[in-house]
N, C-alpha and C. Protein backbone atom coordinates (compact mmCIF):
# COMPACT_ATOMS: atom_id res chain seq x y z
N UNK A 1 162.40 61.73 127.31
CA UNK A 1 161.66 62.46 126.61
C UNK A 1 161.10 63.66 127.01
N UNK A 2 161.38 63.68 128.44
CA UNK A 2 161.04 65.37 128.75
C UNK A 2 161.93 66.57 127.98
N UNK A 3 163.10 65.87 128.11
CA UNK A 3 164.45 67.13 127.62
C UNK A 3 163.92 67.33 125.79
N UNK A 4 163.48 66.29 125.13
CA UNK A 4 163.23 66.79 124.07
C UNK A 4 161.90 67.59 123.61
N UNK A 5 161.39 67.51 124.59
CA UNK A 5 159.91 67.99 124.58
C UNK A 5 160.16 69.64 125.42
N UNK A 6 161.05 69.89 126.29
CA UNK A 6 161.49 71.31 126.82
C UNK A 6 162.14 72.01 125.78
N UNK A 7 163.06 71.08 124.77
CA UNK A 7 163.80 71.72 124.06
C UNK A 7 162.95 72.41 123.05
N UNK A 8 162.10 71.47 122.54
CA UNK A 8 161.36 72.16 121.73
C UNK A 8 160.30 73.03 121.86
N UNK A 9 159.84 73.19 123.03
CA UNK A 9 159.36 74.09 123.10
C UNK A 9 159.77 75.58 123.63
N UNK A 10 160.91 75.40 123.97
CA UNK A 10 162.07 76.43 124.20
C UNK A 10 162.51 77.08 122.72
N UNK A 11 162.94 76.25 121.51
CA UNK A 11 163.14 76.62 120.40
C UNK A 11 161.90 77.11 119.65
N UNK A 12 160.57 76.84 119.89
CA UNK A 12 159.30 77.54 119.39
C UNK A 12 159.49 78.78 120.32
N UNK A 13 159.49 79.00 121.15
CA UNK A 13 159.12 80.35 121.95
C UNK A 13 160.40 81.35 121.11
N UNK A 14 162.01 81.02 121.37
CA UNK A 14 162.29 81.89 120.68
C UNK A 14 162.17 81.99 119.12
N UNK A 15 162.12 80.96 118.26
CA UNK A 15 161.75 81.28 117.32
C UNK A 15 160.13 82.18 116.96
N UNK A 16 159.34 82.38 117.50
CA UNK A 16 158.09 83.35 117.92
C UNK A 16 158.57 84.48 117.81
N UNK A 17 159.79 84.43 118.77
CA UNK A 17 160.04 86.01 119.33
C UNK A 17 160.53 86.60 118.35
N UNK A 18 161.58 85.86 117.56
CA UNK A 18 162.42 86.28 116.35
C UNK A 18 161.43 86.60 115.64
N UNK A 19 160.77 86.01 115.44
CA UNK A 19 159.92 85.76 113.94
C UNK A 19 158.86 87.04 113.77
N UNK A 20 158.59 87.28 115.24
CA UNK A 20 157.27 88.19 115.35
C UNK A 20 157.64 89.67 115.53
N UNK A 21 159.42 89.82 115.77
CA UNK A 21 160.03 91.04 115.78
C UNK A 21 160.28 91.24 114.38
N UNK A 22 160.97 90.01 113.60
CA UNK A 22 161.05 90.67 112.17
C UNK A 22 159.97 90.70 111.39
N UNK A 23 158.86 90.02 111.56
CA UNK A 23 157.64 90.15 111.10
C UNK A 23 156.79 91.70 111.26
N UNK A 24 157.40 92.40 112.19
CA UNK A 24 156.73 93.70 112.31
C UNK A 24 157.47 94.67 111.47
N UNK A 25 158.43 94.62 111.49
CA UNK A 25 159.91 95.51 111.19
C UNK A 25 159.28 95.30 109.26
N UNK A 26 158.75 93.80 108.82
CA UNK A 26 158.35 93.60 107.30
C UNK A 26 157.51 94.31 107.24
N UNK A 27 156.64 94.19 108.32
CA UNK A 27 155.19 94.74 107.77
C UNK A 27 155.34 96.31 107.70
N UNK A 28 156.22 96.84 108.76
CA UNK A 28 156.20 98.41 108.48
C UNK A 28 156.61 98.64 107.41
N UNK A 29 157.98 98.04 106.89
CA UNK A 29 158.54 98.38 105.54
C UNK A 29 157.50 98.06 104.39
N UNK A 30 156.61 97.05 104.35
CA UNK A 30 155.74 96.88 103.16
C UNK A 30 154.96 98.40 103.14
N UNK A 31 154.25 98.68 104.49
CA UNK A 31 153.53 99.66 104.64
C UNK A 31 153.99 101.10 104.13
N UNK A 32 155.37 101.22 104.25
CA UNK A 32 156.16 102.46 103.82
C UNK A 32 156.52 102.50 102.72
N UNK A 33 156.50 101.25 101.78
CA UNK A 33 156.56 101.38 100.08
C UNK A 33 155.47 101.30 99.92
N UNK A 34 154.29 100.95 100.32
CA UNK A 34 152.85 100.79 99.58
C UNK A 34 152.50 102.18 99.44
N UNK A 35 152.48 103.17 100.92
CA UNK A 35 152.25 104.31 100.90
C UNK A 35 153.27 105.06 99.76
N UNK A 36 154.72 105.18 99.64
CA UNK A 36 155.13 105.63 98.40
C UNK A 36 154.62 105.59 97.35
N UNK A 37 154.36 104.33 97.09
CA UNK A 37 154.23 104.22 95.57
C UNK A 37 152.61 104.70 95.58
N UNK A 38 151.54 104.67 96.60
CA UNK A 38 150.46 105.14 96.28
C UNK A 38 150.21 106.49 95.99
N UNK A 39 151.17 106.84 96.44
CA UNK A 39 151.23 108.86 96.56
C UNK A 39 152.38 109.42 95.10
N UNK A 40 152.86 108.23 94.57
CA UNK A 40 153.76 108.50 93.45
C UNK A 40 152.44 109.27 92.52
N UNK A 41 152.95 110.43 91.70
CA UNK A 41 152.26 110.76 90.65
C UNK A 41 151.82 109.90 89.68
N UNK A 42 152.67 108.99 88.82
CA UNK A 42 152.66 107.69 88.17
C UNK A 42 151.50 107.35 88.64
N UNK A 43 151.40 106.54 89.96
CA UNK A 43 150.10 105.57 89.98
C UNK A 43 148.72 106.37 90.32
N UNK A 44 149.02 107.76 91.07
CA UNK A 44 147.75 108.78 90.98
C UNK A 44 147.05 108.96 89.45
N UNK A 45 148.34 108.93 88.45
CA UNK A 45 148.19 109.08 87.25
C UNK A 45 147.05 107.71 86.64
N UNK A 46 147.19 106.74 86.86
CA UNK A 46 146.70 105.29 86.50
C UNK A 46 145.94 105.04 87.33
N UNK A 47 145.35 105.50 88.36
CA UNK A 47 144.18 105.45 89.44
C UNK A 47 143.04 106.17 88.56
N UNK A 48 143.56 106.99 88.36
CA UNK A 48 143.04 108.36 87.57
C UNK A 48 142.35 107.73 86.22
N UNK A 49 143.24 107.12 85.26
CA UNK A 49 142.94 106.31 84.47
C UNK A 49 142.00 105.53 84.36
N UNK A 50 142.11 104.58 85.28
CA UNK A 50 140.97 103.54 85.59
C UNK A 50 139.88 103.93 85.77
N UNK A 51 140.04 105.06 86.91
CA UNK A 51 138.48 105.27 87.30
C UNK A 51 137.52 105.88 85.87
N UNK A 52 138.69 106.71 85.21
CA UNK A 52 137.48 107.14 84.28
C UNK A 52 137.10 106.12 82.68
N UNK A 53 138.06 105.13 83.03
CA UNK A 53 137.77 103.61 82.04
C UNK A 53 136.57 103.25 82.59
N UNK A 54 136.74 102.97 84.12
CA UNK A 54 135.66 102.34 84.51
C UNK A 54 134.00 103.08 84.36
N UNK A 55 133.94 104.63 84.55
CA UNK A 55 132.89 105.44 84.63
C UNK A 55 132.70 105.23 82.98
N UNK A 56 133.04 105.27 81.95
CA UNK A 56 133.00 105.36 80.37
C UNK A 56 131.80 103.56 80.35
N UNK A 57 133.00 102.52 81.00
CA UNK A 57 131.86 101.35 80.68
C UNK A 57 131.12 101.33 81.61
N UNK A 58 130.67 101.74 82.76
CA UNK A 58 129.43 101.61 82.96
C UNK A 58 128.02 102.62 82.28
N UNK A 59 128.66 103.07 81.63
CA UNK A 59 127.64 104.14 81.10
C UNK A 59 127.01 103.51 79.50
N UNK A 60 128.40 102.76 79.30
CA UNK A 60 127.70 102.42 77.86
C UNK A 60 126.75 100.86 78.33
N UNK A 61 127.61 100.31 79.87
CA UNK A 61 126.56 99.17 79.87
C UNK A 61 125.43 99.47 80.34
N UNK A 62 125.04 100.98 81.21
CA UNK A 62 123.63 101.24 81.35
C UNK A 62 122.83 101.32 79.99
N UNK A 63 123.49 102.15 79.04
CA UNK A 63 122.87 102.26 77.70
C UNK A 63 122.36 100.70 77.01
N UNK A 64 123.52 99.79 77.08
CA UNK A 64 123.17 98.60 76.63
C UNK A 64 122.08 97.81 77.29
N UNK A 65 122.14 97.67 78.43
CA UNK A 65 121.02 97.21 79.34
C UNK A 65 119.62 97.87 79.45
N UNK A 66 119.41 99.23 79.24
CA UNK A 66 118.36 99.98 78.55
C UNK A 66 117.41 99.29 77.56
N UNK A 67 118.33 99.44 76.28
CA UNK A 67 118.29 98.81 75.08
C UNK A 67 117.79 97.23 74.89
N UNK A 68 118.53 96.42 75.82
CA UNK A 68 118.08 95.16 75.97
C UNK A 68 116.65 94.92 76.42
N UNK A 69 116.16 95.48 77.69
CA UNK A 69 115.08 95.48 78.79
C UNK A 69 113.79 95.89 77.88
N UNK A 70 114.25 96.90 76.82
CA UNK A 70 112.87 97.58 76.30
C UNK A 70 112.92 96.46 75.12
N UNK A 71 113.83 95.93 74.43
CA UNK A 71 113.64 94.67 73.29
C UNK A 71 112.83 93.58 74.02
N UNK A 72 113.32 93.03 75.15
CA UNK A 72 112.43 92.12 76.08
C UNK A 72 111.44 92.45 76.41
N UNK A 73 111.05 93.45 76.50
CA UNK A 73 109.30 93.66 77.06
C UNK A 73 108.73 93.57 75.69
N UNK A 74 108.98 94.34 74.10
CA UNK A 74 108.27 94.15 73.23
C UNK A 74 108.19 92.74 73.04
N UNK A 75 109.10 92.00 73.23
CA UNK A 75 109.22 90.57 72.70
C UNK A 75 108.08 89.23 73.52
N UNK A 76 108.39 90.10 75.15
CA UNK A 76 107.85 89.07 75.93
C UNK A 76 106.27 88.59 75.26
N UNK A 77 105.41 89.48 75.13
CA UNK A 77 104.02 89.07 75.12
C UNK A 77 104.08 88.12 73.66
N UNK A 78 104.89 88.28 72.79
CA UNK A 78 104.79 87.10 71.23
C UNK A 78 105.01 85.87 71.89
N UNK A 79 106.24 85.96 72.83
CA UNK A 79 106.68 84.11 72.95
C UNK A 79 106.12 84.00 74.08
N UNK A 80 105.27 84.52 74.94
CA UNK A 80 104.26 84.10 75.97
C UNK A 80 103.22 83.73 75.19
N UNK A 81 102.77 84.46 74.20
CA UNK A 81 101.55 83.56 73.09
C UNK A 81 101.92 82.56 72.51
N UNK A 82 102.93 82.38 72.03
CA UNK A 82 103.71 81.01 71.19
C UNK A 82 103.40 80.05 72.11
N UNK A 83 104.12 80.19 73.54
CA UNK A 83 104.47 79.02 74.21
C UNK A 83 102.99 78.65 74.77
N UNK A 84 102.17 79.39 75.12
CA UNK A 84 100.44 79.12 75.20
C UNK A 84 99.93 78.39 74.47
N UNK A 85 100.00 78.80 72.85
CA UNK A 85 99.77 77.71 71.81
C UNK A 85 100.25 76.40 71.77
N UNK A 86 101.69 76.29 71.79
CA UNK A 86 102.08 75.04 71.96
C UNK A 86 101.48 74.33 72.83
N UNK A 87 101.87 74.68 74.25
CA UNK A 87 100.80 73.77 75.34
C UNK A 87 99.47 73.50 74.96
N UNK A 88 99.02 74.14 74.11
CA UNK A 88 97.36 74.09 74.24
C UNK A 88 97.15 73.00 73.22
N UNK A 89 98.11 73.16 72.15
CA UNK A 89 97.98 72.02 71.11
C UNK A 89 98.65 70.80 72.11
N UNK A 90 99.57 70.64 72.74
CA UNK A 90 100.11 69.60 73.24
C UNK A 90 99.14 68.44 74.16
N UNK A 91 98.66 69.95 74.67
CA UNK A 91 97.24 69.22 75.79
C UNK A 91 96.30 68.72 74.84
N UNK A 92 96.06 69.19 73.54
CA UNK A 92 94.85 68.37 73.12
C UNK A 92 95.36 66.87 73.04
N UNK A 93 96.30 66.64 72.36
CA UNK A 93 96.58 65.09 72.12
C UNK A 93 96.70 63.92 72.88
N UNK A 94 96.36 64.92 74.06
CA UNK A 94 96.92 64.12 75.27
C UNK A 94 95.47 63.20 76.30
N UNK A 95 95.53 62.21 76.33
CA UNK A 95 94.24 61.60 77.15
C UNK A 95 94.47 60.98 78.09
N UNK A 96 93.79 61.51 79.17
CA UNK A 96 93.58 60.92 80.67
C UNK A 96 92.58 59.64 80.85
N UNK A 97 93.13 58.41 80.95
CA UNK A 97 92.20 57.82 81.47
C UNK A 97 90.85 58.30 82.71
N UNK A 98 89.75 57.61 82.49
CA UNK A 98 89.13 57.78 83.75
C UNK A 98 89.12 56.56 84.54
N UNK A 99 88.73 57.14 85.99
CA UNK A 99 89.42 56.42 87.01
C UNK A 99 88.43 56.27 87.85
N UNK A 100 87.91 55.14 88.21
CA UNK A 100 86.60 55.51 89.10
C UNK A 100 87.35 55.25 90.85
N UNK A 101 86.50 56.13 91.45
CA UNK A 101 87.14 55.93 93.02
C UNK A 101 86.28 55.62 93.72
N UNK A 102 86.62 54.59 94.53
CA UNK A 102 85.68 53.82 95.47
C UNK A 102 85.30 54.81 96.54
N UNK A 103 83.62 54.50 97.18
CA UNK A 103 83.41 55.64 98.15
C UNK A 103 83.55 54.48 99.47
N UNK A 104 84.24 55.62 100.11
CA UNK A 104 84.66 55.04 101.87
C UNK A 104 83.86 55.54 102.84
N UNK A 105 83.11 54.77 103.50
CA UNK A 105 82.25 55.96 104.77
C UNK A 105 82.90 55.84 106.02
N UNK A 106 83.37 56.86 106.12
CA UNK A 106 83.95 57.48 107.53
C UNK A 106 82.81 58.06 108.63
N UNK A 107 83.06 57.56 109.61
CA UNK A 107 82.38 57.29 110.74
C UNK A 107 82.57 59.28 111.26
N UNK A 108 81.38 59.99 111.72
CA UNK A 108 81.68 61.17 112.33
C UNK A 108 82.51 61.19 113.22
N UNK A 109 83.10 62.19 113.96
CA UNK A 109 83.83 62.08 115.38
C UNK A 109 83.09 62.48 116.11
N UNK A 110 83.26 61.65 117.09
CA UNK A 110 83.03 61.68 118.66
C UNK A 110 82.52 60.92 119.01
N UNK A 111 81.91 60.57 120.85
CA UNK A 111 81.98 59.62 121.38
C UNK A 111 80.85 58.83 120.75
N UNK A 112 79.62 58.86 120.32
CA UNK A 112 78.79 58.15 119.56
C UNK A 112 79.01 57.60 118.43
N UNK A 113 80.19 57.78 117.90
CA UNK A 113 80.30 57.50 116.04
C UNK A 113 80.79 55.96 116.33
N UNK A 114 80.84 55.27 117.63
CA UNK A 114 80.82 53.53 117.52
C UNK A 114 82.10 53.51 117.49
N UNK A 115 83.08 53.96 117.45
CA UNK A 115 84.80 53.91 117.37
C UNK A 115 85.19 53.69 118.59
N UNK A 116 84.44 54.16 119.49
CA UNK A 116 84.99 53.50 121.18
C UNK A 116 84.57 51.91 121.47
N UNK A 117 83.20 51.62 120.68
CA UNK A 117 83.22 50.33 121.44
C UNK A 117 83.75 49.15 120.30
N UNK A 118 84.24 49.47 119.16
CA UNK A 118 85.34 48.74 118.67
C UNK A 118 86.80 48.35 119.83
N UNK A 119 86.63 49.59 119.73
CA UNK A 119 88.08 49.52 120.71
C UNK A 119 88.15 48.69 121.98
N UNK A 120 87.09 48.86 122.44
CA UNK A 120 87.22 47.94 124.38
C UNK A 120 87.56 46.45 124.30
N UNK A 121 87.90 46.03 124.82
CA UNK A 121 88.46 44.62 124.97
C UNK A 121 87.16 43.62 125.82
N UNK A 122 86.50 44.30 126.35
CA UNK A 122 85.50 43.41 127.43
C UNK A 122 84.37 42.93 126.42
N UNK A 123 83.89 43.57 125.30
CA UNK A 123 82.71 43.88 124.48
C UNK A 123 81.73 44.89 125.30
N UNK A 124 81.76 45.29 126.47
CA UNK A 124 80.81 46.40 127.26
C UNK A 124 80.84 47.51 126.34
N UNK A 125 80.08 48.08 126.74
CA UNK A 125 79.99 49.84 126.07
C UNK A 125 80.95 50.59 127.02
N UNK A 126 81.15 51.53 126.32
CA UNK A 126 81.88 52.53 126.64
C UNK A 126 80.82 53.65 127.44
N UNK A 127 81.20 54.53 128.28
CA UNK A 127 80.84 54.98 129.01
C UNK A 127 81.06 56.25 129.40
N UNK A 128 80.51 57.36 129.34
CA UNK A 128 81.12 58.84 129.88
C UNK A 128 81.31 58.44 131.25
N UNK A 129 80.78 58.20 132.14
CA UNK A 129 80.47 58.74 133.13
C UNK A 129 81.44 57.27 133.91
N UNK A 130 81.89 56.30 132.95
CA UNK A 130 82.83 55.37 133.94
C UNK A 130 82.13 54.15 134.40
N UNK A 131 80.42 53.99 133.84
CA UNK A 131 79.76 53.17 134.87
C UNK A 131 79.57 51.88 133.86
N UNK A 132 80.18 51.80 132.48
CA UNK A 132 79.92 50.69 131.90
C UNK A 132 78.44 50.53 131.01
N UNK A 133 77.46 51.70 131.54
CA UNK A 133 76.51 51.94 130.68
C UNK A 133 76.71 53.24 129.42
N UNK A 134 76.04 53.06 128.43
CA UNK A 134 75.80 54.18 127.37
C UNK A 134 74.34 54.69 127.67
N UNK A 135 75.00 56.31 128.01
CA UNK A 135 73.36 56.97 127.82
C UNK A 135 72.86 56.76 126.43
N UNK A 136 71.49 57.08 126.65
CA UNK A 136 71.18 57.48 124.73
C UNK A 136 70.53 58.95 125.15
N UNK A 137 69.70 59.34 124.10
CA UNK A 137 69.35 60.62 124.07
C UNK A 137 67.83 60.92 124.79
N UNK A 138 67.22 59.77 124.92
CA UNK A 138 65.38 59.66 125.62
C UNK A 138 65.98 59.61 127.21
N UNK A 139 67.19 59.71 127.61
CA UNK A 139 67.47 59.56 129.14
C UNK A 139 67.65 58.17 129.57
N UNK A 140 67.31 57.13 129.32
CA UNK A 140 67.08 55.75 129.63
C UNK A 140 68.90 55.08 129.50
N UNK A 141 68.96 54.24 129.94
CA UNK A 141 70.49 53.60 130.28
C UNK A 141 70.42 52.58 129.57
């Protein structure tokens, strides 16, 4: 198995070297011919004709775009007004049922809200200082 692998690697290396040399020569040949074509009077004449046609087409497209934008700008208010009228007419025919929303009492945030008392397992009152006594506003425990 080692012999087959070595033979494959050597063949790959030889093919790469020969291919890269032939590839470079072929690349240089393509570059040489493409330069000849690009510098030929026929190709330059065709390039100028294409550039002139593209310039003419862009001018025509610019004029047409300006015309279309003016047309759209003059029609936009009417189209928008029509759409608004249609929307108002459709909205008149829609009836929305009234729903009663139940009132939910939410405790105020803070340590005096009572939420801390329901969270305790021992049933005693939570304290800020950790003694199990709850301070009151008048200073008594």
